[in-house]
Amino acid sequence: MFELIQLIEKSSQTVHSDFRRWFKRIPAAATWNVLSDYSIGDRNKQNDAFSFVVLLNHDTFENIASYIAAVAPRDIKAARSPSKGLLDYLSCPVSFSLNFVVERQSSHLKNAVTVEAMQGLVSALRDVVRDWAVAEPPNAAYYETLDRRLRLLAAELAHKRPALKLLRQIFLVASFAAIVLGMINDAKSPLAIRWISDRDAMFDRHHGIAFDLAWLLFQMMRRTKEGVIDLRRPQLAFATPGMDGVTEYAEFVRLPDFLAGTLADMKLPQMMFTHPKFPPVFNRLFVDTPNNAVIEIVTAPDRVTSRRIAFGKPPISASCLRRGGES
């Protein structure tokens, strides 16, 4: 799994550059939101899509939700046409998205995300958690609880017939989230990040182990880099609709919903869609604006390939050849 993260990181260097350029006027120590939604396992779609919208905490929670509710009262599945107001918001200077497209026939990258790879990662993470518990006595109780959840995950992976489809989704979304968290941390040294994800079965597994995996992978990524690390920041918070019994986050999840729904429906390399509501989203967000990036991950029997695909003008920092909309 670390190899997959490193592969994606290598292919997304221009995304990091674009992110820094897009938010260059935003000072360090701000507070950010990461909003995610997924279109996974739909046989009527061309791809599996994982969308993460990075949203600056530029206003009150209530005001942001109120605006989205006013301009886009429905998600993209229920809408006959895309909301212009929502597309405007996803193109404005407070928003940036990183989207991961995985080819459907890869079955969640089953050639790369094997049982052995998942077991090896969980074992390594348990060793790390034990080491951190010794090094950080005030956090020992938290790490003990975290290790119990990892132990449950390890036990499921050891079953004769583990739920591999769901487990691969958990490991993939955790890896993608860690990459997004790392991108924000490297560029903006945030004070806090709140990750709000749409409700999905993968977040119910083992008391939210997907969140734990993302946090651990993010911490390991940042601790391998040069420089002094302040372990007190960023403060990370996780939430899904209804997690606290009150807040549904429907408006916030609607932002990545429009992106994931469009990318899942997109047929590559023909650039075809099944419904006329998708091309306006694609053209406005992925062709006309530089703040919505796409990473495609494809598999072959002996390898996994990760590449950024850009539509319209290539990224400013790109240095590769471009053909047929691909760079």
Protein backbone atom coordinates (compact mmCIF):
# COMPACT_ATOMS: atom_id res chain seq x y z
CA MET A 1 0.00 0.00 0.00
CA PHE A 2 2.87 2.37 0.71
CA GLU A 3 4.13 1.67 -2.80
CA LEU A 4 0.72 2.63 -4.22
CA ILE A 5 0.70 5.88 -2.24
CA GLN A 6 4.23 6.70 -3.40
CA LEU A 7 3.24 5.95 -7.00
CA ILE A 8 0.24 8.29 -6.80
CA GLU A 9 2.30 10.97 -5.07
CA LYS A 10 4.85 10.84 -7.88
CA SER A 11 2.18 11.23 -10.56
CA SER A 12 0.45 14.08 -8.74
CA GLN A 13 3.31 16.55 -8.38
CA THR A 14 1.62 19.01 -10.73
CA VAL A 15 -1.51 18.74 -8.58
CA HIS A 16 0.52 19.84 -5.55
CA SER A 17 1.88 22.76 -7.58
CA ASP A 18 -1.59 23.76 -8.74
CA PHE A 19 -2.90 23.51 -5.17
CA ARG A 20 -0.19 25.83 -3.87
CA ARG A 21 -0.80 28.28 -6.71
CA TRP A 22 -4.59 28.25 -6.25
CA PHE A 23 -4.36 28.99 -2.52
CA LYS A 24 -1.22 31.13 -2.50
CA ARG A 25 -3.07 34.07 -0.89
CA ILE A 26 -4.36 31.95 2.00
CA PRO A 27 -2.02 32.21 5.01
CA ALA A 28 -0.75 29.25 6.99
CA ALA A 29 -2.60 28.04 10.10
CA ALA A 30 -6.04 28.29 8.52
CA THR A 31 -8.78 25.71 9.06
CA TRP A 32 -9.85 23.46 6.19
CA ASN A 33 -12.60 21.01 5.32
CA VAL A 34 -12.17 17.87 3.24
CA LEU A 35 -15.46 16.68 1.78
CA SER A 36 -15.58 13.28 0.10
CA ASP A 37 -18.02 11.14 -1.83
CA TYR A 38 -17.65 8.01 -3.93
CA SER A 39 -19.29 6.23 -6.83
CA ILE A 40 -18.17 2.64 -6.40
CA GLY A 41 -19.31 -0.70 -7.75
CA ASP A 42 -22.11 0.58 -10.01
CA ARG A 43 -22.29 -1.77 -13.00
CA ASN A 44 -23.94 0.95 -15.05
CA LYS A 45 -20.92 3.24 -14.66
CA GLN A 46 -17.62 3.26 -16.48
CA ASN A 47 -15.35 3.89 -13.49
CA ASP A 48 -15.10 3.86 -9.74
CA ALA A 49 -14.61 7.45 -8.61
CA PHE A 50 -13.36 8.85 -5.30
CA SER A 51 -13.74 12.63 -5.02
CA PHE A 52 -12.26 14.87 -2.34
CA VAL A 53 -13.12 18.57 -2.22
CA VAL A 54 -10.76 20.73 -0.17
CA LEU A 55 -12.78 23.68 1.09
CA LEU A 56 -11.33 26.58 3.03
CA ASN A 57 -13.33 27.26 6.18
CA HIS A 58 -14.19 30.68 4.76
CA ASP A 59 -17.54 31.21 6.51
CA THR A 60 -19.70 29.72 9.21
CA PHE A 61 -20.81 26.14 8.86
CA GLU A 62 -24.44 27.26 8.69
CA ASN A 63 -23.86 29.89 5.98
CA ILE A 64 -22.00 27.48 3.71
CA ALA A 65 -24.68 24.81 4.11
CA SER A 66 -27.42 27.37 3.51
CA TYR A 67 -25.87 28.54 0.23
CA ILE A 68 -25.43 25.01 -1.11
CA ALA A 69 -28.96 24.05 -0.12
CA ALA A 70 -30.30 27.08 -1.99
CA VAL A 71 -28.44 26.54 -5.25
CA ALA A 72 -28.37 22.72 -5.31
CA PRO A 73 -31.19 21.12 -3.31
CA ARG A 74 -30.57 17.68 -4.88
CA ASP A 75 -27.56 15.46 -5.51
CA ILE A 76 -26.51 14.77 -9.10
CA LYS A 77 -28.35 11.43 -9.30
CA ALA A 78 -31.66 13.14 -8.58
CA ALA A 79 -30.98 16.25 -10.66
CA ARG A 80 -32.02 16.58 -14.30
CA SER A 81 -29.44 19.28 -14.94
CA PRO A 82 -26.44 20.54 -12.97
CA SER A 83 -26.71 23.50 -10.65
CA LYS A 84 -24.94 26.57 -12.04
CA GLY A 85 -24.59 27.95 -8.53
CA LEU A 86 -22.86 24.78 -7.34
CA LEU A 87 -20.54 24.76 -10.36
CA ASP A 88 -19.68 28.38 -9.61
CA TYR A 89 -18.86 27.45 -6.03
CA LEU A 90 -16.66 24.52 -7.09
CA SER A 91 -14.78 26.93 -9.38
CA CYS A 92 -14.25 29.71 -6.86
CA PRO A 93 -11.03 30.52 -4.94
CA VAL A 94 -12.08 28.72 -1.74
CA SER A 95 -12.40 25.26 -3.33
CA PHE A 96 -10.01 22.69 -4.84
CA SER A 97 -10.68 19.04 -5.60
CA LEU A 98 -8.52 15.97 -6.05
CA ASN A 99 -10.36 13.09 -7.72
CA PHE A 100 -9.24 9.49 -8.17
CA VAL A 101 -10.60 7.41 -11.04
CA VAL A 102 -10.11 3.64 -10.89
CA GLU A 103 -11.01 1.48 -13.87
CA ARG A 104 -14.00 -0.74 -13.12
CA GLN A 105 -12.44 -3.94 -14.44
CA SER A 106 -9.66 -3.70 -11.88
CA SER A 107 -12.15 -4.69 -9.12
CA HIS A 108 -10.73 -2.07 -6.75
CA LEU A 109 -7.15 -2.83 -7.84
CA LYS A 110 -7.33 -6.43 -6.66
CA ASN A 111 -3.94 -7.19 -8.23
CA ALA A 112 -2.31 -4.55 -6.03
CA VAL A 113 -4.48 -4.46 -2.93
CA THR A 114 -4.09 -8.13 -2.10
CA VAL A 115 -4.87 -9.87 1.16
CA GLU A 116 -1.15 -10.18 1.80
CA ALA A 117 -0.59 -6.47 1.16
CA MET A 118 -3.40 -5.49 3.53
CA GLN A 119 -2.20 -7.91 6.20
CA GLY A 120 1.35 -6.62 5.90
CA LEU A 121 0.21 -3.01 6.24
CA VAL A 122 -1.95 -3.72 9.30
CA SER A 123 0.92 -5.59 10.97
CA ALA A 124 3.32 -2.72 10.26
CA LEU A 125 0.84 -0.15 11.54
CA ARG A 126 0.32 -2.07 14.77
CA ASP A 127 4.08 -2.02 15.35
CA VAL A 128 4.11 1.72 14.73
CA VAL A 129 1.18 2.33 17.07
CA ARG A 130 2.91 0.39 19.86
CA ASP A 131 6.10 2.43 19.35
CA TRP A 132 4.16 5.70 19.43
CA ALA A 133 2.35 4.65 22.60
CA VAL A 134 5.71 4.24 24.34
CA ALA A 135 7.08 7.51 22.93
CA GLU A 136 3.94 9.51 23.80
CA PRO A 137 2.72 8.44 27.26
CA PRO A 138 -0.11 11.03 27.40
CA ASN A 139 -1.59 9.43 24.25
CA ALA A 140 -1.10 5.81 25.32
CA ALA A 141 -4.79 5.20 26.02
CA TYR A 142 -5.76 6.45 22.56
CA TYR A 143 -3.16 4.25 20.89
CA GLU A 144 -4.38 1.24 22.88
CA THR A 145 -7.92 1.82 21.57
CA LEU A 146 -6.58 2.27 18.06
CA ASP A 147 -4.63 -0.99 18.29
CA ARG A 148 -7.79 -2.84 19.33
CA ARG A 149 -9.50 -1.70 16.12
CA LEU A 150 -6.47 -2.71 14.07
CA ARG A 151 -6.56 -6.10 15.78
CA LEU A 152 -10.18 -6.55 14.69
CA LEU A 153 -9.19 -5.67 11.12
CA ALA A 154 -6.29 -8.14 11.22
CA ALA A 155 -8.64 -10.86 12.47
CA GLU A 156 -11.06 -10.24 9.60
CA LEU A 157 -8.24 -10.39 7.07
CA ALA A 158 -7.20 -13.76 8.54
CA HIS A 159 -10.64 -15.29 7.89
CA LYS A 160 -10.94 -17.90 5.18
CA ARG A 161 -13.41 -15.72 3.27
CA PRO A 162 -12.91 -12.07 4.21
CA ALA A 163 -15.11 -9.40 2.62
CA LEU A 164 -12.39 -8.43 0.16
CA LYS A 165 -14.48 -6.04 -1.91
CA LEU A 166 -15.32 -3.91 1.11
CA LEU A 167 -11.83 -4.21 2.61
CA ARG A 168 -10.20 -3.02 -0.61
CA GLN A 169 -12.52 -0.02 -0.63
CA ILE A 170 -11.47 0.77 2.94
CA PHE A 171 -7.77 0.62 2.16
CA LEU A 172 -8.16 2.63 -1.05
CA VAL A 173 -10.22 5.44 0.46
CA ALA A 174 -7.83 5.63 3.43
CA SER A 175 -4.84 5.89 1.07
CA PHE A 176 -6.50 8.55 -1.08
CA ALA A 177 -7.54 10.54 1.99
CA ALA A 178 -4.01 10.39 3.40
CA ILE A 179 -2.67 11.83 0.12
CA VAL A 180 -5.19 14.70 0.27
CA LEU A 181 -4.43 15.42 3.94
CA GLY A 182 -0.72 15.41 3.15
CA MET A 183 -1.20 17.83 0.26
CA ILE A 184 -2.97 20.33 2.52
CA ASN A 185 -0.45 19.91 5.32
CA ASP A 186 2.60 20.33 3.08
CA ALA A 187 1.26 23.43 1.36
CA LYS A 188 -0.58 25.33 4.08
CA SER A 189 0.51 24.04 7.54
CA PRO A 190 -3.13 24.02 8.68
CA LEU A 191 -4.30 24.50 12.21
CA ALA A 192 -7.14 22.01 11.77
CA ILE A 193 -8.73 19.81 9.09
CA ARG A 194 -12.24 18.40 9.28
CA TRP A 195 -12.90 15.42 6.98
CA ILE A 196 -16.58 14.94 6.21
CA SER A 197 -17.38 11.82 4.21
CA ASP A 198 -20.63 10.56 2.80
CA ARG A 199 -22.00 7.63 4.78
CA ASP A 200 -20.80 4.32 3.42
CA ALA A 201 -20.46 0.76 4.71
CA MET A 202 -16.69 1.08 4.74
CA PHE A 203 -16.90 3.69 7.51
CA ASP A 204 -19.03 1.46 9.71
CA ARG A 205 -16.48 -1.36 9.67
CA HIS A 206 -14.65 -1.89 12.96
CA HIS A 207 -15.79 1.39 14.50
CA GLY A 208 -14.51 3.58 11.69
CA ILE A 209 -11.21 1.87 10.94
CA ALA A 210 -11.08 3.65 7.55
CA PHE A 211 -10.63 6.95 9.38
CA ASP A 212 -7.93 5.42 11.58
CA LEU A 213 -6.03 4.05 8.59
CA ALA A 214 -6.12 7.43 6.84
CA TRP A 215 -4.85 9.18 9.98
CA LEU A 216 -2.04 6.67 10.47
CA LEU A 217 -0.95 6.76 6.84
CA PHE A 218 -0.97 10.56 6.90
CA GLN A 219 1.11 10.63 10.10
CA MET A 220 3.62 8.16 8.69
CA MET A 221 3.92 10.13 5.44
CA ARG A 222 4.60 13.40 7.24
CA ARG A 223 7.07 11.86 9.70
CA THR A 224 9.26 10.57 6.89
CA LYS A 225 9.78 14.09 5.52
CA GLU A 226 12.43 16.59 6.51
CA GLY A 227 11.87 19.36 9.00
CA VAL A 228 10.40 19.75 12.45
CA ILE A 229 6.93 18.28 12.95
CA ASP A 230 4.45 19.75 15.41
CA LEU A 231 2.41 16.72 16.50
CA ARG A 232 -0.25 19.02 17.98
CA ARG A 233 -1.33 20.24 14.54
CA PRO A 234 -3.17 19.86 12.38
CA GLN A 235 -6.00 18.75 14.61
CA LEU A 236 -8.02 16.25 12.58
CA ALA A 237 -11.74 15.64 13.01
CA PHE A 238 -13.82 13.06 11.15
CA ALA A 239 -17.56 12.96 10.53
CA THR A 240 -20.19 11.19 8.45
CA PRO A 241 -23.88 12.05 8.10
CA GLY A 242 -25.71 11.28 11.30
CA MET A 243 -22.58 10.26 13.21
CA ASP A 244 -23.45 12.55 16.12
CA GLY A 245 -27.16 11.81 15.85
CA VAL A 246 -27.89 15.36 14.71
CA THR A 247 -25.83 16.68 11.80
CA GLU A 248 -26.46 15.24 8.34
CA TYR A 249 -23.88 17.21 6.30
CA ALA A 250 -26.03 16.68 3.17
CA GLU A 251 -25.07 20.03 1.64
CA PHE A 252 -21.35 19.49 2.13
CA VAL A 253 -21.39 16.00 0.64
CA ARG A 254 -23.22 17.41 -2.39
CA LEU A 255 -19.99 19.09 -3.56
CA PRO A 256 -17.97 15.89 -4.14
CA ASP A 257 -21.16 14.07 -5.20
CA PHE A 258 -21.33 16.12 -8.41
CA LEU A 259 -17.68 15.37 -9.17
CA ALA A 260 -17.73 11.66 -8.39
CA GLY A 261 -20.98 11.12 -10.29
CA THR A 262 -19.60 12.80 -13.41
CA LEU A 263 -16.25 11.00 -13.36
CA ALA A 264 -17.86 7.61 -12.76
CA ASP A 265 -20.04 8.11 -15.84
CA MET A 266 -17.18 9.30 -18.07
CA LYS A 267 -16.02 6.83 -20.69
CA LEU A 268 -12.32 7.09 -21.47
CA PRO A 269 -10.72 7.76 -23.87
CA GLN A 270 -13.82 8.55 -25.96
CA MET A 271 -15.02 11.22 -23.48
CA MET A 272 -18.64 10.04 -23.67
CA PHE A 273 -21.42 10.32 -21.09
CA THR A 274 -24.78 8.58 -20.67
CA HIS A 275 -26.79 11.68 -19.69
CA PRO A 276 -26.75 15.30 -20.90
CA LYS A 277 -26.38 16.59 -17.31
CA PHE A 278 -22.79 15.35 -17.06
CA PRO A 279 -21.01 17.23 -19.93
CA PRO A 280 -21.73 20.69 -18.42
CA VAL A 281 -20.17 19.56 -15.13
CA PHE A 282 -17.19 18.06 -16.91
CA ASN A 283 -16.61 21.08 -19.16
CA ARG A 284 -16.97 23.67 -16.42
CA LEU A 285 -14.98 21.93 -13.70
CA PHE A 286 -12.47 19.68 -15.42
CA VAL A 287 -11.81 21.60 -18.64
CA ASP A 288 -12.35 25.29 -17.90
CA THR A 289 -11.00 25.64 -14.36
CA PRO A 290 -7.58 24.62 -12.97
CA ASN A 291 -8.74 23.74 -9.48
CA ASN A 292 -10.24 20.28 -10.10
CA ALA A 293 -7.60 17.60 -10.69
CA VAL A 294 -8.00 13.97 -11.76
CA ILE A 295 -5.66 11.06 -11.07
CA GLU A 296 -6.39 7.89 -13.03
CA ILE A 297 -5.21 4.51 -11.76
CA VAL A 298 -5.15 1.57 -14.17
CA THR A 299 -3.91 -1.98 -13.79
CA ALA A 300 -2.24 -4.63 -15.87
CA PRO A 301 -1.41 -8.20 -14.82
CA ASP A 302 2.08 -7.17 -13.77
CA ARG A 303 1.81 -3.52 -12.80
CA VAL A 304 -0.27 -0.58 -11.64
CA THR A 305 -0.09 2.76 -13.46
CA SER A 306 -1.01 6.10 -11.94
CA ARG A 307 -1.20 9.25 -14.04
CA ARG A 308 -2.72 12.67 -13.92
CA ILE A 309 -5.12 13.28 -16.76
CA ALA A 310 -5.82 16.86 -17.73
CA PHE A 311 -8.44 18.20 -20.11
CA GLY A 312 -8.09 21.42 -22.04
CA LYS A 313 -4.85 23.27 -21.31
CA PRO A 314 -2.15 21.18 -19.60
CA PRO A 315 -1.16 22.19 -16.05
CA ILE A 316 1.27 25.11 -15.87
CA SER A 317 4.01 22.96 -14.37
CA ALA A 318 3.49 19.99 -16.69
CA SER A 319 6.47 19.01 -18.84
CA CYS A 320 5.13 15.91 -20.61
CA LEU A 321 3.63 15.41 -24.02
CA ARG A 322 -0.13 15.77 -24.34
CA ARG A 323 -2.32 13.85 -26.74
CA GLY A 324 -6.03 13.23 -26.92
CA GLY A 325 -6.79 15.13 -23.75
CA GLU A 326 -4.27 13.18 -21.69
CA SER A 327 -1.13 14.49 -20.05
